[in-house]
Amino acid sequence: MELGLKGRTAVIIGGSMGIGKAAARSLAAEGVNLVLLARGKENLDKAAGEIARESGVEVVAIPTN
């Protein structure tokens, strides 16, 4: 589905797993660049790497509390 979001940037809170990660993957599939925020640096970096490889979009991971 084309949502017209390609090239935009989204900030995803809780982007390292669960619903946040699923939302990030869906947006990345539409060509949206991502800023992922979550507490666990290890899971966050892993999720960012997976999504970037799968979709080819720019993904920035920021550990935050």
C-alpha atoms as a PDB file:
ATOM      1  CA  MET A   1       0.000   0.000   0.000  1.00  0.00           C
ATOM      2  CA  GLU A   2       1.408   3.393  -0.987  1.00  0.00           C
ATOM      3  CA  LEU A   3       0.833   5.940   1.776  1.00  0.00           C
ATOM      4  CA  GLY A   4       2.810   8.800   0.217  1.00  0.00           C
ATOM      5  CA  LEU A   5       5.308   8.856   3.085  1.00  0.00           C
ATOM      6  CA  LYS A   6       8.480   7.912   1.205  1.00  0.00           C
ATOM      7  CA  GLY A   7      11.425  10.084   2.248  1.00  0.00           C
ATOM      8  CA  ARG A   8       9.778  11.321   5.445  1.00  0.00           C
ATOM      9  CA  THR A   9      11.168  10.587   8.920  1.00  0.00           C
ATOM     10  CA  ALA A  10       9.252   9.018  11.823  1.00  0.00           C
ATOM     11  CA  VAL A  11      10.208   8.825  15.491  1.00  0.00           C
ATOM     12  CA  ILE A  12       9.198   5.490  17.040  1.00  0.00           C
ATOM     13  CA  ILE A  13       9.073   5.179  20.822  1.00  0.00           C
ATOM     14  CA  GLY A  14       9.656   1.616  22.044  1.00  0.00           C
ATOM     15  CA  GLY A  15      11.060   0.657  18.664  1.00  0.00           C
ATOM     16  CA  SER A  16      13.255  -2.242  19.765  1.00  0.00           C
ATOM     17  CA  MET A  17      10.513  -4.892  20.028  1.00  0.00           C
ATOM     18  CA  GLY A  18       6.804  -5.626  20.032  1.00  0.00           C
ATOM     19  CA  ILE A  19       4.315  -3.179  18.546  1.00  0.00           C
ATOM     20  CA  GLY A  20       6.916  -0.408  18.206  1.00  0.00           C
ATOM     21  CA  LYS A  21       9.225  -2.606  16.147  1.00  0.00           C
ATOM     22  CA  ALA A  22       6.310  -3.789  13.991  1.00  0.00           C
ATOM     23  CA  ALA A  23       5.245  -0.182  13.359  1.00  0.00           C
ATOM     24  CA  ALA A  24       8.834   0.722  12.470  1.00  0.00           C
ATOM     25  CA  ARG A  25       9.052  -2.168   9.995  1.00  0.00           C
ATOM     26  CA  SER A  26       5.771  -1.147   8.357  1.00  0.00           C
ATOM     27  CA  LEU A  27       6.862   2.461   7.971  1.00  0.00           C
ATOM     28  CA  ALA A  28      10.290   1.418   6.693  1.00  0.00           C
ATOM     29  CA  ALA A  29       8.588  -0.746   4.057  1.00  0.00           C
ATOM     30  CA  GLU A  30       6.897   2.471   2.853  1.00  0.00           C
ATOM     31  CA  GLY A  31      10.309   4.178   2.535  1.00  0.00           C
ATOM     32  CA  VAL A  32      10.139   6.168   5.775  1.00  0.00           C
ATOM     33  CA  ASN A  33      13.458   6.893   7.519  1.00  0.00           C
ATOM     34  CA  LEU A  34      13.364   6.105  11.230  1.00  0.00           C
ATOM     35  CA  VAL A  35      14.566   7.316  14.587  1.00  0.00           C
ATOM     36  CA  LEU A  36      14.096   4.453  17.052  1.00  0.00           C
ATOM     37  CA  LEU A  37      13.950   5.159  20.779  1.00  0.00           C
ATOM     38  CA  ALA A  38      14.058   2.521  23.540  1.00  0.00           C
ATOM     39  CA  ARG A  39      15.779   1.772  26.830  1.00  0.00           C
ATOM     40  CA  GLY A  40      17.698  -1.397  25.925  1.00  0.00           C
ATOM     41  CA  LYS A  41      20.681  -0.451  23.754  1.00  0.00           C
ATOM     42  CA  GLU A  42      21.459  -4.017  22.668  1.00  0.00           C
ATOM     43  CA  ASN A  43      17.926  -4.799  21.440  1.00  0.00           C
ATOM     44  CA  LEU A  44      17.600  -1.318  19.951  1.00  0.00           C
ATOM     45  CA  ASP A  45      20.800  -1.633  17.909  1.00  0.00           C
ATOM     46  CA  LYS A  46      19.768  -5.106  16.754  1.00  0.00           C
ATOM     47  CA  ALA A  47      16.324  -3.894  15.647  1.00  0.00           C
ATOM     48  CA  ALA A  48      17.789  -0.866  13.860  1.00  0.00           C
ATOM     49  CA  GLY A  49      20.256  -3.044  11.963  1.00  0.00           C
ATOM     50  CA  GLU A  50      17.592  -5.559  10.945  1.00  0.00           C
ATOM     51  CA  ILE A  51      15.188  -2.898   9.713  1.00  0.00           C
ATOM     52  CA  ALA A  52      17.888  -0.984   7.825  1.00  0.00           C
ATOM     53  CA  ARG A  53      19.061  -4.163   6.060  1.00  0.00           C
ATOM     54  CA  GLU A  54      15.526  -5.266   5.188  1.00  0.00           C
ATOM     55  CA  SER A  55      14.274  -1.952   3.881  1.00  0.00           C
ATOM     56  CA  GLY A  56      17.278   0.130   2.843  1.00  0.00           C
ATOM     57  CA  VAL A  57      16.055   3.206   4.757  1.00  0.00           C
ATOM     58  CA  GLU A  58      18.148   5.245   7.174  1.00  0.00           C
ATOM     59  CA  VAL A  59      17.634   4.144  10.782  1.00  0.00           C
ATOM     60  CA  VAL A  60      19.048   6.016  13.780  1.00  0.00           C
ATOM     61  CA  ALA A  61      18.899   4.264  17.147  1.00  0.00           C
ATOM     62  CA  ILE A  62      18.938   6.360  20.315  1.00  0.00           C
ATOM     63  CA  PRO A  63      18.907   4.616  23.695  1.00  0.00           C
ATOM     64  CA  THR A  64      16.743   6.694  26.018  1.00  0.00           C
ATOM     65  CA  ASN A  65      14.842   6.361  29.236  1.00  0.00           C
END
